[in-house]
């Protein structure tokens, strides 16, 4: 293994908690309840696909538009003040560099928002390569974001490890042929997801040890 590629939202930075709260608050204001299985499915999902899911659930495109507009407003008003790093995030990135591995970020977030998050925590210079929403044609679970990150690192995809929290992110990394480390955030792994992972870790504090096991194999 020559490189480790990190997802951002829910993996390095605790944004999913804020996102879920904003969905629930917006739905409550509109007098609706988003089913739990849809809220779980939103993790790691593109906004376009999420929009389609809400349309299919309620059958009211105008309601969907109002829900998304209000959710985005609530999220935009609250996310900056509530940002937190996931436990062990900074140390995990440092451990990758200490082992002489290349390090990249592969996120579905838009460039400006992602860079703001990284700069907020002093991590903007922590990666040898970065890939954002604008850089890919197809979002997760397509492998584009991970294949692009590997290409920018100049490392074969099968020589990369990917660190993810979401089901679609894990599917994307596995489809790219990478070694997948899951650190669950909002969703516990299913049997399908466990089967795609080399290791499921309780937190990023366990990532250095998991990397060492792969390096000694």
N, C-alpha and C. Protein backbone atom coordinates (compact mmCIF):
# COMPACT_ATOMS: atom_id res chain seq x y z
N UNK A 1 0.84 -1.19 0.00
CA UNK A 1 0.00 0.00 0.00
C UNK A 1 0.89 1.25 0.00
N UNK A 2 0.57 2.17 -0.91
CA UNK A 2 1.40 3.35 -1.08
C UNK A 2 0.72 4.66 -0.67
N UNK A 3 -0.60 4.61 -0.48
CA UNK A 3 -1.33 5.85 -0.21
C UNK A 3 -2.60 5.56 0.59
N UNK A 4 -3.03 6.58 1.31
CA UNK A 4 -4.32 6.54 2.01
C UNK A 4 -5.14 7.74 1.53
N UNK A 5 -6.39 7.47 1.19
CA UNK A 5 -7.30 8.51 0.69
C UNK A 5 -8.47 8.62 1.67
N UNK A 6 -8.70 9.82 2.18
CA UNK A 6 -9.76 10.07 3.16
C UNK A 6 -10.99 10.70 2.51
N UNK A 7 -12.15 10.21 2.89
CA UNK A 7 -13.40 10.96 2.73
C UNK A 7 -13.38 12.09 3.76
N UNK A 8 -14.24 13.08 3.58
CA UNK A 8 -14.26 14.20 4.53
C UNK A 8 -15.48 14.17 5.44
N UNK A 9 -16.67 14.36 4.88
CA UNK A 9 -17.88 14.51 5.70
C UNK A 9 -18.22 13.20 6.40
N UNK A 10 -18.28 13.27 7.71
CA UNK A 10 -18.60 12.08 8.50
C UNK A 10 -17.40 11.20 8.80
N UNK A 11 -16.29 11.43 8.09
CA UNK A 11 -15.08 10.65 8.30
C UNK A 11 -14.04 11.47 9.05
N UNK A 12 -13.63 12.58 8.48
CA UNK A 12 -12.68 13.47 9.14
C UNK A 12 -13.38 14.57 9.93
N UNK A 13 -14.50 15.04 9.42
CA UNK A 13 -15.20 16.17 10.04
C UNK A 13 -16.64 15.76 10.34
N UNK A 14 -17.11 16.12 11.52
CA UNK A 14 -18.43 15.68 11.99
C UNK A 14 -19.52 16.59 11.43
N UNK A 15 -19.80 16.41 10.14
CA UNK A 15 -20.83 17.22 9.48
C UNK A 15 -22.16 16.50 9.36
N UNK A 16 -22.16 15.16 9.39
CA UNK A 16 -23.41 14.43 9.20
C UNK A 16 -24.40 14.72 10.32
N UNK A 17 -23.91 14.87 11.55
CA UNK A 17 -24.78 15.19 12.68
C UNK A 17 -25.52 16.49 12.43
N UNK A 18 -24.82 17.49 11.90
CA UNK A 18 -25.44 18.79 11.62
C UNK A 18 -26.43 18.66 10.47
N UNK A 19 -26.04 17.89 9.46
CA UNK A 19 -26.91 17.72 8.29
C UNK A 19 -28.21 17.03 8.68
N UNK A 20 -28.13 15.96 9.46
CA UNK A 20 -29.33 15.24 9.87
C UNK A 20 -30.26 16.14 10.68
N UNK A 21 -29.70 16.94 11.57
CA UNK A 21 -30.53 17.85 12.37
C UNK A 21 -31.24 18.87 11.49
N UNK A 22 -30.57 19.33 10.44
CA UNK A 22 -31.19 20.32 9.56
C UNK A 22 -32.32 19.71 8.74
N UNK A 23 -32.16 18.46 8.33
CA UNK A 23 -33.25 17.79 7.61
C UNK A 23 -34.48 17.66 8.50
N UNK A 24 -34.27 17.22 9.74
CA UNK A 24 -35.39 17.01 10.66
C UNK A 24 -36.08 18.33 10.98
N UNK A 25 -35.30 19.39 11.18
CA UNK A 25 -35.89 20.68 11.51
C UNK A 25 -36.71 21.23 10.34
N UNK A 26 -36.18 21.11 9.13
CA UNK A 26 -36.90 21.61 7.95
C UNK A 26 -38.20 20.83 7.74
N UNK A 27 -38.13 19.52 7.88
CA UNK A 27 -39.33 18.70 7.70
C UNK A 27 -40.39 19.05 8.73
N UNK A 28 -39.96 19.25 9.98
CA UNK A 28 -40.91 19.60 11.04
C UNK A 28 -41.62 20.91 10.75
N UNK A 29 -40.87 21.89 10.26
CA UNK A 29 -41.48 23.19 9.93
C UNK A 29 -42.53 23.05 8.84
N UNK A 30 -42.30 22.09 7.92
CA UNK A 30 -43.24 21.90 6.80
C UNK A 30 -44.34 20.90 7.13
N UNK A 31 -44.33 20.38 8.36
CA UNK A 31 -45.39 19.48 8.79
C UNK A 31 -45.30 18.08 8.21
N UNK A 32 -44.09 17.65 7.86
CA UNK A 32 -43.91 16.31 7.33
C UNK A 32 -42.84 15.59 8.15
N UNK A 33 -42.76 14.28 7.96
CA UNK A 33 -41.73 13.48 8.63
C UNK A 33 -41.02 12.65 7.58
N UNK A 34 -39.72 12.84 7.47
CA UNK A 34 -38.93 12.07 6.52
C UNK A 34 -38.65 10.70 7.15
N UNK A 35 -39.03 9.61 6.48
CA UNK A 35 -38.79 8.28 7.04
C UNK A 35 -37.32 8.04 7.37
N UNK A 36 -37.09 7.29 8.42
CA UNK A 36 -35.74 7.03 8.88
C UNK A 36 -34.87 6.38 7.81
N UNK A 37 -35.48 5.48 7.02
CA UNK A 37 -34.65 4.79 6.02
C UNK A 37 -34.15 5.77 4.96
N UNK A 38 -34.90 6.84 4.70
CA UNK A 38 -34.44 7.84 3.74
C UNK A 38 -33.34 8.70 4.36
N UNK A 39 -33.50 9.09 5.61
CA UNK A 39 -32.47 9.87 6.28
C UNK A 39 -31.15 9.09 6.34
N UNK A 40 -31.24 7.81 6.59
CA UNK A 40 -30.04 6.97 6.59
C UNK A 40 -29.43 6.90 5.20
N UNK A 41 -30.29 6.81 4.20
CA UNK A 41 -29.80 6.71 2.81
C UNK A 41 -29.14 7.99 2.33
N UNK A 42 -29.51 9.14 2.93
CA UNK A 42 -28.93 10.42 2.53
C UNK A 42 -27.43 10.50 2.79
N UNK A 43 -26.93 9.71 3.74
CA UNK A 43 -25.51 9.78 4.11
C UNK A 43 -24.66 9.34 2.92
N UNK A 44 -23.80 10.25 2.44
CA UNK A 44 -22.94 9.94 1.32
C UNK A 44 -23.63 9.98 -0.03
N UNK A 45 -24.85 10.51 -0.07
CA UNK A 45 -25.63 10.56 -1.30
C UNK A 45 -25.55 11.94 -1.93
N UNK A 46 -25.57 12.00 -3.26
CA UNK A 46 -25.59 13.30 -3.92
C UNK A 46 -26.93 13.98 -3.70
N UNK A 47 -26.93 15.31 -3.72
CA UNK A 47 -28.16 16.07 -3.52
C UNK A 47 -29.18 15.78 -4.63
N UNK A 48 -28.71 15.54 -5.84
CA UNK A 48 -29.61 15.23 -6.95
C UNK A 48 -30.38 13.95 -6.68
N UNK A 49 -29.68 12.93 -6.20
CA UNK A 49 -30.34 11.66 -5.90
C UNK A 49 -31.26 11.80 -4.70
N UNK A 50 -30.82 12.56 -3.69
CA UNK A 50 -31.66 12.80 -2.52
C UNK A 50 -32.96 13.51 -2.92
N UNK A 51 -32.86 14.45 -3.83
CA UNK A 51 -34.03 15.18 -4.34
C UNK A 51 -35.02 14.21 -4.97
N UNK A 52 -34.51 13.28 -5.75
CA UNK A 52 -35.37 12.28 -6.40
C UNK A 52 -36.05 11.39 -5.37
N UNK A 53 -35.34 11.02 -4.33
CA UNK A 53 -35.92 10.17 -3.28
C UNK A 53 -37.07 10.86 -2.57
N UNK A 54 -36.92 12.15 -2.28
CA UNK A 54 -38.00 12.90 -1.62
C UNK A 54 -39.19 13.06 -2.57
N UNK A 55 -38.91 13.32 -3.84
CA UNK A 55 -39.99 13.39 -4.83
C UNK A 55 -40.79 12.09 -4.85
N UNK A 56 -40.07 10.98 -4.88
CA UNK A 56 -40.74 9.67 -4.94
C UNK A 56 -41.54 9.39 -3.67
N UNK A 57 -41.03 9.86 -2.54
CA UNK A 57 -41.69 9.58 -1.25
C UNK A 57 -42.98 10.37 -1.09
N UNK A 58 -42.96 11.66 -1.43
CA UNK A 58 -44.11 12.52 -1.15
C UNK A 58 -44.92 12.87 -2.40
N UNK A 59 -44.35 12.68 -3.58
CA UNK A 59 -45.08 12.92 -4.81
C UNK A 59 -45.48 14.36 -5.03
N UNK A 60 -44.69 15.29 -4.50
CA UNK A 60 -45.02 16.71 -4.59
C UNK A 60 -43.74 17.49 -4.84
N UNK A 61 -43.39 17.73 -6.11
CA UNK A 61 -42.14 18.42 -6.42
C UNK A 61 -42.02 19.79 -5.77
N UNK A 62 -43.13 20.50 -5.63
CA UNK A 62 -43.08 21.82 -4.98
C UNK A 62 -42.70 21.69 -3.51
N UNK A 63 -43.24 20.66 -2.87
CA UNK A 63 -42.88 20.41 -1.47
C UNK A 63 -41.41 20.04 -1.35
N UNK A 64 -40.94 19.24 -2.28
CA UNK A 64 -39.53 18.86 -2.28
C UNK A 64 -38.64 20.09 -2.38
N UNK A 65 -39.00 21.00 -3.27
CA UNK A 65 -38.21 22.22 -3.44
C UNK A 65 -38.20 23.05 -2.16
N UNK A 66 -39.36 23.16 -1.50
CA UNK A 66 -39.43 23.94 -0.25
C UNK A 66 -38.60 23.28 0.85
N UNK A 67 -38.68 21.95 0.91
CA UNK A 67 -37.93 21.21 1.92
C UNK A 67 -36.43 21.41 1.74
N UNK A 68 -35.95 21.28 0.51
CA UNK A 68 -34.52 21.43 0.26
C UNK A 68 -34.06 22.86 0.51
N UNK A 69 -34.87 23.83 0.11
CA UNK A 69 -34.50 25.23 0.32
C UNK A 69 -34.39 25.53 1.81
N UNK A 70 -35.37 25.06 2.58
CA UNK A 70 -35.35 25.34 4.02
C UNK A 70 -34.23 24.57 4.71
N UNK A 71 -34.02 23.32 4.34
CA UNK A 71 -32.92 22.53 4.91
C UNK A 71 -31.59 23.22 4.65
N UNK A 72 -31.38 23.66 3.40
CA UNK A 72 -30.11 24.31 3.07
C UNK A 72 -29.92 25.61 3.85
N UNK A 73 -31.03 26.31 4.08
CA UNK A 73 -30.95 27.55 4.86
C UNK A 73 -30.57 27.26 6.31
N UNK A 74 -31.22 26.27 6.90
CA UNK A 74 -30.93 25.91 8.28
C UNK A 74 -29.48 25.42 8.40
N UNK A 75 -29.08 24.57 7.48
CA UNK A 75 -27.72 24.04 7.50
C UNK A 75 -26.70 25.17 7.35
N UNK A 76 -26.98 26.07 6.41
CA UNK A 76 -26.07 27.18 6.18
C UNK A 76 -25.93 28.12 7.37
N UNK A 77 -27.00 28.21 8.17
CA UNK A 77 -26.99 29.10 9.33
C UNK A 77 -26.30 28.47 10.54
N UNK A 78 -26.12 27.15 10.53
CA UNK A 78 -25.66 26.48 11.75
C UNK A 78 -24.35 25.71 11.61
N UNK A 79 -23.98 25.30 10.39
CA UNK A 79 -22.90 24.31 10.28
C UNK A 79 -21.54 24.85 10.71
N UNK A 80 -21.26 26.11 10.41
CA UNK A 80 -19.92 26.64 10.73
C UNK A 80 -19.68 26.63 12.24
N UNK A 81 -20.67 27.06 13.01
CA UNK A 81 -20.50 27.15 14.46
C UNK A 81 -20.43 25.78 15.13
N UNK A 82 -20.91 24.73 14.45
CA UNK A 82 -20.97 23.41 15.08
C UNK A 82 -19.92 22.44 14.55
N UNK A 83 -19.04 22.90 13.67
CA UNK A 83 -18.05 22.01 13.09
C UNK A 83 -17.11 21.45 14.16
N UNK A 84 -16.87 20.14 14.08
CA UNK A 84 -15.90 19.49 14.95
C UNK A 84 -15.16 18.43 14.15
N UNK A 85 -13.89 18.23 14.47
CA UNK A 85 -13.15 17.12 13.89
C UNK A 85 -13.62 15.82 14.53
N UNK A 86 -13.61 14.75 13.77
CA UNK A 86 -13.88 13.44 14.34
C UNK A 86 -12.70 13.03 15.22
N UNK A 87 -12.96 12.31 16.29
CA UNK A 87 -11.86 11.90 17.18
C UNK A 87 -10.76 11.16 16.43
N UNK A 88 -9.53 11.60 16.62
CA UNK A 88 -8.39 10.95 16.00
C UNK A 88 -8.09 11.37 14.59
N UNK A 89 -8.84 12.33 14.05
CA UNK A 89 -8.67 12.70 12.64
C UNK A 89 -7.29 13.27 12.37
N UNK A 90 -6.89 14.24 13.15
CA UNK A 90 -5.60 14.88 12.92
C UNK A 90 -4.45 13.88 13.09
N UNK A 91 -4.58 13.04 14.11
CA UNK A 91 -3.55 12.04 14.37
C UNK A 91 -3.48 10.99 13.26
N UNK A 92 -4.64 10.63 12.71
CA UNK A 92 -4.67 9.63 11.63
C UNK A 92 -3.96 10.16 10.38
N UNK A 93 -4.20 11.41 10.04
CA UNK A 93 -3.51 12.01 8.90
C UNK A 93 -2.01 12.06 9.16
N UNK A 94 -1.64 12.45 10.37
CA UNK A 94 -0.23 12.49 10.72
C UNK A 94 0.43 11.12 10.63
N UNK A 95 -0.30 10.09 11.04
CA UNK A 95 0.24 8.73 11.00
C UNK A 95 0.50 8.27 9.57
N UNK A 96 -0.35 8.70 8.64
CA UNK A 96 -0.15 8.36 7.23
C UNK A 96 1.18 8.94 6.74
N UNK A 97 1.40 10.20 7.03
CA UNK A 97 2.65 10.85 6.61
C UNK A 97 3.87 10.23 7.30
N UNK A 98 3.72 9.90 8.58
CA UNK A 98 4.83 9.31 9.32
C UNK A 98 5.28 7.98 8.73
N UNK A 99 4.35 7.27 8.10
CA UNK A 99 4.67 5.99 7.50
C UNK A 99 5.17 6.12 6.06
N UNK A 100 5.36 7.34 5.62
CA UNK A 100 5.88 7.57 4.28
C UNK A 100 4.89 7.31 3.18
N UNK A 101 3.61 7.31 3.52
CA UNK A 101 2.56 7.09 2.52
C UNK A 101 2.06 8.42 1.98
N UNK A 102 1.61 8.42 0.74
CA UNK A 102 0.94 9.59 0.20
C UNK A 102 -0.45 9.70 0.81
N UNK A 103 -0.99 10.92 0.80
CA UNK A 103 -2.26 11.18 1.48
C UNK A 103 -3.13 12.08 0.61
N UNK A 104 -4.39 11.69 0.42
CA UNK A 104 -5.30 12.48 -0.41
C UNK A 104 -6.66 12.62 0.25
N UNK A 105 -7.42 13.59 -0.23
CA UNK A 105 -8.81 13.79 0.18
C UNK A 105 -9.69 13.56 -1.04
N UNK A 106 -10.75 12.76 -0.86
CA UNK A 106 -11.70 12.49 -1.94
C UNK A 106 -13.10 12.74 -1.39
N UNK A 107 -13.66 13.91 -1.68
CA UNK A 107 -14.94 14.29 -1.10
C UNK A 107 -15.96 14.65 -2.17
N UNK A 108 -17.23 14.37 -1.85
CA UNK A 108 -18.32 14.76 -2.74
C UNK A 108 -18.73 16.21 -2.51
N UNK A 109 -18.14 16.85 -1.52
CA UNK A 109 -18.49 18.24 -1.22
C UNK A 109 -17.92 19.18 -2.28
N UNK A 110 -18.58 20.32 -2.43
CA UNK A 110 -18.10 21.32 -3.36
C UNK A 110 -16.79 21.92 -2.85
N UNK A 111 -15.95 22.33 -3.78
CA UNK A 111 -14.60 22.78 -3.46
C UNK A 111 -14.57 23.88 -2.39
N UNK A 112 -15.37 24.93 -2.55
CA UNK A 112 -15.29 26.06 -1.63
C UNK A 112 -15.64 25.65 -0.21
N UNK A 113 -16.69 24.85 -0.05
CA UNK A 113 -17.09 24.43 1.29
C UNK A 113 -16.06 23.51 1.90
N UNK A 114 -15.55 22.57 1.10
CA UNK A 114 -14.55 21.63 1.61
C UNK A 114 -13.28 22.36 2.03
N UNK A 115 -12.84 23.30 1.20
CA UNK A 115 -11.62 24.05 1.54
C UNK A 115 -11.82 24.89 2.79
N UNK A 116 -13.01 25.45 2.96
CA UNK A 116 -13.30 26.19 4.18
C UNK A 116 -13.14 25.28 5.40
N UNK A 117 -13.71 24.06 5.31
CA UNK A 117 -13.62 23.12 6.42
C UNK A 117 -12.16 22.77 6.73
N UNK A 118 -11.40 22.49 5.68
CA UNK A 118 -10.00 22.12 5.88
C UNK A 118 -9.20 23.27 6.49
N UNK A 119 -9.42 24.48 5.99
CA UNK A 119 -8.70 25.63 6.51
C UNK A 119 -9.11 25.93 7.95
N UNK A 120 -10.38 25.70 8.27
CA UNK A 120 -10.91 25.92 9.61
C UNK A 120 -10.13 25.11 10.64
N UNK A 121 -9.70 23.91 10.25
CA UNK A 121 -8.98 23.03 11.16
C UNK A 121 -7.48 22.95 10.86
N UNK A 122 -7.01 23.82 9.97
CA UNK A 122 -5.58 23.83 9.66
C UNK A 122 -5.12 22.61 8.90
N UNK A 123 -6.00 22.04 8.08
CA UNK A 123 -5.67 20.83 7.34
C UNK A 123 -5.54 21.06 5.83
N UNK A 124 -5.59 22.29 5.40
CA UNK A 124 -5.58 22.57 3.97
C UNK A 124 -4.31 22.09 3.28
N UNK A 125 -3.19 22.05 4.03
CA UNK A 125 -1.92 21.62 3.44
C UNK A 125 -1.57 20.18 3.80
N UNK A 126 -2.53 19.45 4.35
CA UNK A 126 -2.24 18.10 4.86
C UNK A 126 -2.27 17.02 3.78
N UNK A 127 -2.75 17.37 2.57
CA UNK A 127 -2.97 16.36 1.55
C UNK A 127 -2.09 16.60 0.32
N UNK A 128 -1.60 15.49 -0.24
CA UNK A 128 -0.81 15.57 -1.46
C UNK A 128 -1.69 15.78 -2.69
N UNK A 129 -2.97 15.45 -2.58
CA UNK A 129 -3.92 15.65 -3.67
C UNK A 129 -5.32 15.78 -3.08
N UNK A 130 -6.17 16.52 -3.75
CA UNK A 130 -7.55 16.68 -3.32
C UNK A 130 -8.47 16.53 -4.52
N UNK A 131 -9.65 15.95 -4.28
CA UNK A 131 -10.66 15.81 -5.32
C UNK A 131 -11.99 16.25 -4.73
N UNK A 132 -12.70 17.14 -5.46
CA UNK A 132 -13.95 17.69 -4.99
C UNK A 132 -15.08 17.35 -5.97
N UNK A 133 -16.28 17.75 -5.59
CA UNK A 133 -17.47 17.49 -6.40
C UNK A 133 -17.30 17.95 -7.85
N UNK A 134 -16.70 19.11 -8.02
CA UNK A 134 -16.57 19.68 -9.36
C UNK A 134 -15.60 18.89 -10.25
N UNK A 135 -14.80 18.03 -9.67
CA UNK A 135 -13.75 17.33 -10.42
C UNK A 135 -14.20 16.02 -11.04
N UNK A 136 -15.43 15.58 -10.76
CA UNK A 136 -15.85 14.25 -11.21
C UNK A 136 -17.17 14.32 -11.97
N UNK A 137 -17.35 13.34 -12.84
CA UNK A 137 -18.58 13.27 -13.63
C UNK A 137 -19.69 12.54 -12.89
N UNK A 138 -19.33 11.52 -12.11
CA UNK A 138 -20.33 10.69 -11.46
C UNK A 138 -20.02 10.58 -9.97
N UNK A 139 -21.00 10.90 -9.10
CA UNK A 139 -20.76 10.87 -7.65
C UNK A 139 -20.73 9.44 -7.11
N UNK A 140 -20.30 9.31 -5.87
CA UNK A 140 -20.39 8.02 -5.19
C UNK A 140 -21.83 7.51 -5.25
N UNK A 141 -22.06 6.23 -5.48
CA UNK A 141 -21.16 5.08 -5.36
C UNK A 141 -20.31 4.77 -6.60
N UNK A 142 -20.35 5.61 -7.64
CA UNK A 142 -19.41 5.43 -8.75
C UNK A 142 -17.99 5.66 -8.23
N UNK A 143 -17.00 4.99 -8.81
CA UNK A 143 -15.64 5.07 -8.27
C UNK A 143 -14.86 6.31 -8.69
N UNK A 144 -15.48 7.22 -9.45
CA UNK A 144 -14.76 8.34 -10.06
C UNK A 144 -13.88 9.12 -9.08
N UNK A 145 -14.44 9.47 -7.91
CA UNK A 145 -13.71 10.33 -6.98
C UNK A 145 -12.44 9.65 -6.47
N UNK A 146 -12.51 8.35 -6.27
CA UNK A 146 -11.33 7.62 -5.80
C UNK A 146 -10.33 7.35 -6.91
N UNK A 147 -10.82 7.03 -8.08
CA UNK A 147 -9.91 6.83 -9.21
C UNK A 147 -9.17 8.12 -9.55
N UNK A 148 -9.89 9.25 -9.48
CA UNK A 148 -9.26 10.54 -9.76
C UNK A 148 -8.20 10.86 -8.71
N UNK A 149 -8.50 10.57 -7.44
CA UNK A 149 -7.52 10.81 -6.37
C UNK A 149 -6.27 9.98 -6.58
N UNK A 150 -6.43 8.71 -6.93
CA UNK A 150 -5.28 7.84 -7.17
C UNK A 150 -4.44 8.35 -8.33
N UNK A 151 -5.12 8.80 -9.38
CA UNK A 151 -4.41 9.33 -10.54
C UNK A 151 -3.61 10.57 -10.17
N UNK A 152 -4.20 11.45 -9.36
CA UNK A 152 -3.50 12.67 -8.96
C UNK A 152 -2.33 12.38 -8.03
N UNK A 153 -2.41 11.28 -7.31
CA UNK A 153 -1.29 10.87 -6.47
C UNK A 153 -0.23 10.12 -7.26
N UNK A 154 -0.58 9.71 -8.48
CA UNK A 154 0.28 8.88 -9.31
C UNK A 154 0.57 7.55 -8.62
N UNK A 155 -0.50 6.97 -8.07
CA UNK A 155 -0.42 5.67 -7.40
C UNK A 155 -1.52 4.78 -7.98
N UNK A 156 -1.22 3.52 -8.32
CA UNK A 156 -2.27 2.62 -8.80
C UNK A 156 -3.38 2.49 -7.76
N UNK A 157 -4.62 2.43 -8.22
CA UNK A 157 -5.76 2.38 -7.29
C UNK A 157 -5.67 1.21 -6.33
N UNK A 158 -5.17 0.07 -6.81
CA UNK A 158 -5.11 -1.10 -5.94
C UNK A 158 -4.02 -0.98 -4.87
N UNK A 159 -3.18 0.06 -4.98
CA UNK A 159 -2.16 0.32 -3.97
C UNK A 159 -2.60 1.41 -2.98
N UNK A 160 -3.89 1.77 -3.03
CA UNK A 160 -4.43 2.80 -2.16
C UNK A 160 -5.38 2.21 -1.13
N UNK A 161 -5.37 2.79 0.07
CA UNK A 161 -6.38 2.51 1.06
C UNK A 161 -7.35 3.68 1.12
N UNK A 162 -8.62 3.40 1.33
CA UNK A 162 -9.64 4.44 1.42
C UNK A 162 -10.29 4.38 2.80
N UNK A 163 -10.51 5.54 3.39
CA UNK A 163 -11.13 5.64 4.71
C UNK A 163 -12.48 6.31 4.55
N UNK A 164 -13.55 5.61 4.92
CA UNK A 164 -14.90 6.06 4.64
C UNK A 164 -15.84 5.79 5.81
N UNK A 165 -16.95 6.53 5.84
CA UNK A 165 -18.01 6.26 6.81
C UNK A 165 -19.31 5.83 6.15
N UNK A 166 -19.55 6.24 4.91
CA UNK A 166 -20.85 6.02 4.28
C UNK A 166 -20.87 4.78 3.40
N UNK A 167 -22.05 4.22 3.23
CA UNK A 167 -22.20 3.04 2.39
C UNK A 167 -21.80 3.32 0.95
N UNK A 168 -22.27 4.45 0.41
CA UNK A 168 -21.95 4.76 -0.98
C UNK A 168 -20.47 5.07 -1.15
N UNK A 169 -19.85 5.67 -0.16
CA UNK A 169 -18.41 5.90 -0.23
C UNK A 169 -17.64 4.60 -0.23
N UNK A 170 -18.06 3.65 0.59
CA UNK A 170 -17.41 2.34 0.63
C UNK A 170 -17.60 1.61 -0.69
N UNK A 171 -18.79 1.68 -1.24
CA UNK A 171 -19.03 1.05 -2.55
C UNK A 171 -18.14 1.68 -3.62
N UNK A 172 -17.97 3.00 -3.55
CA UNK A 172 -17.14 3.69 -4.54
C UNK A 172 -15.68 3.26 -4.42
N UNK A 173 -15.16 3.22 -3.20
CA UNK A 173 -13.76 2.83 -2.99
C UNK A 173 -13.53 1.38 -3.38
N UNK A 174 -14.48 0.51 -3.04
CA UNK A 174 -14.35 -0.90 -3.39
C UNK A 174 -14.39 -1.08 -4.90
N UNK A 175 -15.27 -0.33 -5.58
CA UNK A 175 -15.36 -0.41 -7.03
C UNK A 175 -14.07 0.07 -7.69
N UNK A 176 -13.35 0.96 -7.01
CA UNK A 176 -12.06 1.45 -7.53
C UNK A 176 -10.95 0.44 -7.28
N UNK A 177 -11.23 -0.62 -6.52
CA UNK A 177 -10.23 -1.65 -6.26
C UNK A 177 -9.32 -1.36 -5.09
N UNK A 178 -9.78 -0.49 -4.18
CA UNK A 178 -8.94 -0.09 -3.06
C UNK A 178 -9.19 -0.93 -1.81
N UNK A 179 -8.23 -0.90 -0.91
CA UNK A 179 -8.40 -1.45 0.43
C UNK A 179 -9.27 -0.47 1.21
N UNK A 180 -10.37 -0.97 1.80
CA UNK A 180 -11.34 -0.06 2.39
C UNK A 180 -11.36 -0.21 3.92
N UNK A 181 -11.19 0.92 4.60
CA UNK A 181 -11.33 0.99 6.05
C UNK A 181 -12.59 1.78 6.36
N UNK A 182 -13.53 1.18 7.06
CA UNK A 182 -14.74 1.90 7.44
C UNK A 182 -14.65 2.36 8.88
N UNK A 183 -15.00 3.62 9.10
CA UNK A 183 -15.18 4.15 10.44
C UNK A 183 -16.63 4.63 10.51
N UNK A 184 -17.55 3.79 11.00
CA UNK A 184 -18.97 4.15 10.96
C UNK A 184 -19.27 5.44 11.69
N UNK A 185 -20.19 6.20 11.10
CA UNK A 185 -20.62 7.46 11.71
C UNK A 185 -22.11 7.36 12.02
N UNK A 186 -22.96 7.61 11.04
CA UNK A 186 -24.40 7.59 11.25
C UNK A 186 -24.99 6.20 11.06
N UNK A 187 -24.41 5.42 10.17
CA UNK A 187 -24.95 4.10 9.84
C UNK A 187 -23.98 2.99 10.22
N UNK A 188 -24.47 1.99 10.96
CA UNK A 188 -23.68 0.80 11.23
C UNK A 188 -23.63 -0.05 9.97
N UNK A 189 -22.53 -0.77 9.73
CA UNK A 189 -22.39 -1.53 8.48
C UNK A 189 -23.37 -2.70 8.39
N UNK A 190 -23.85 -2.93 7.18
CA UNK A 190 -24.62 -4.13 6.90
C UNK A 190 -23.66 -5.25 6.52
N UNK A 191 -24.18 -6.43 6.31
CA UNK A 191 -23.34 -7.55 5.88
C UNK A 191 -22.70 -7.25 4.53
N UNK A 192 -23.46 -6.62 3.64
CA UNK A 192 -22.90 -6.26 2.33
C UNK A 192 -21.70 -5.33 2.49
N UNK A 193 -21.87 -4.30 3.32
CA UNK A 193 -20.82 -3.31 3.50
C UNK A 193 -19.61 -3.92 4.21
N UNK A 194 -19.85 -4.73 5.22
CA UNK A 194 -18.73 -5.40 5.90
C UNK A 194 -17.90 -6.23 4.92
N UNK A 195 -18.61 -6.84 3.95
CA UNK A 195 -17.92 -7.67 2.97
C UNK A 195 -17.02 -6.89 2.03
N UNK A 196 -17.27 -5.59 1.91
CA UNK A 196 -16.45 -4.74 1.04
C UNK A 196 -15.25 -4.13 1.77
N UNK A 197 -15.24 -4.27 3.10
CA UNK A 197 -14.23 -3.61 3.92
C UNK A 197 -13.14 -4.58 4.35
N UNK A 198 -11.92 -4.09 4.39
CA UNK A 198 -10.83 -4.83 5.01
C UNK A 198 -10.94 -4.77 6.53
N UNK A 199 -11.39 -3.64 7.05
CA UNK A 199 -11.56 -3.49 8.50
C UNK A 199 -12.66 -2.47 8.77
N UNK A 200 -13.44 -2.73 9.83
CA UNK A 200 -14.41 -1.77 10.35
C UNK A 200 -13.88 -1.33 11.71
N UNK A 201 -13.59 -0.04 11.84
CA UNK A 201 -12.89 0.49 13.01
C UNK A 201 -13.84 1.33 13.86
N UNK A 202 -13.71 1.27 15.18
CA UNK A 202 -14.60 2.06 16.04
C UNK A 202 -14.35 3.57 15.95
N UNK A 203 -13.12 3.96 15.61
CA UNK A 203 -12.79 5.38 15.44
C UNK A 203 -11.50 5.50 14.65
N UNK A 204 -11.18 6.72 14.26
CA UNK A 204 -9.95 6.95 13.51
C UNK A 204 -8.70 6.70 14.35
N UNK A 205 -8.86 6.64 15.66
CA UNK A 205 -7.69 6.36 16.51
C UNK A 205 -7.13 4.97 16.23
N UNK A 206 -7.95 4.09 15.67
CA UNK A 206 -7.51 2.73 15.37
C UNK A 206 -6.94 2.59 13.96
N UNK A 207 -7.01 3.66 13.17
CA UNK A 207 -6.55 3.56 11.78
C UNK A 207 -5.05 3.28 11.67
N UNK A 208 -4.18 3.95 12.42
CA UNK A 208 -2.74 3.66 12.26
C UNK A 208 -2.41 2.18 12.44
N UNK A 209 -3.01 1.54 13.43
CA UNK A 209 -2.77 0.12 13.63
C UNK A 209 -3.27 -0.73 12.47
N UNK A 210 -4.44 -0.36 11.92
CA UNK A 210 -4.98 -1.10 10.78
C UNK A 210 -4.10 -0.93 9.55
N UNK A 211 -3.54 0.26 9.36
CA UNK A 211 -2.62 0.48 8.24
C UNK A 211 -1.36 -0.37 8.43
N UNK A 212 -0.86 -0.41 9.66
CA UNK A 212 0.36 -1.18 9.92
C UNK A 212 0.16 -2.66 9.58
N UNK A 213 -1.03 -3.19 9.88
CA UNK A 213 -1.31 -4.59 9.55
C UNK A 213 -1.23 -4.82 8.05
N UNK A 214 -1.72 -3.88 7.26
CA UNK A 214 -1.67 -4.01 5.80
C UNK A 214 -0.23 -3.88 5.28
N UNK A 215 0.55 -3.03 5.90
CA UNK A 215 1.91 -2.81 5.44
C UNK A 215 2.82 -3.99 5.75
N UNK A 216 2.45 -4.78 6.76
CA UNK A 216 3.28 -5.93 7.12
C UNK A 216 2.83 -7.21 6.44
N UNK A 217 1.67 -7.18 5.78
CA UNK A 217 1.18 -8.39 5.08
C UNK A 217 2.07 -8.71 3.88
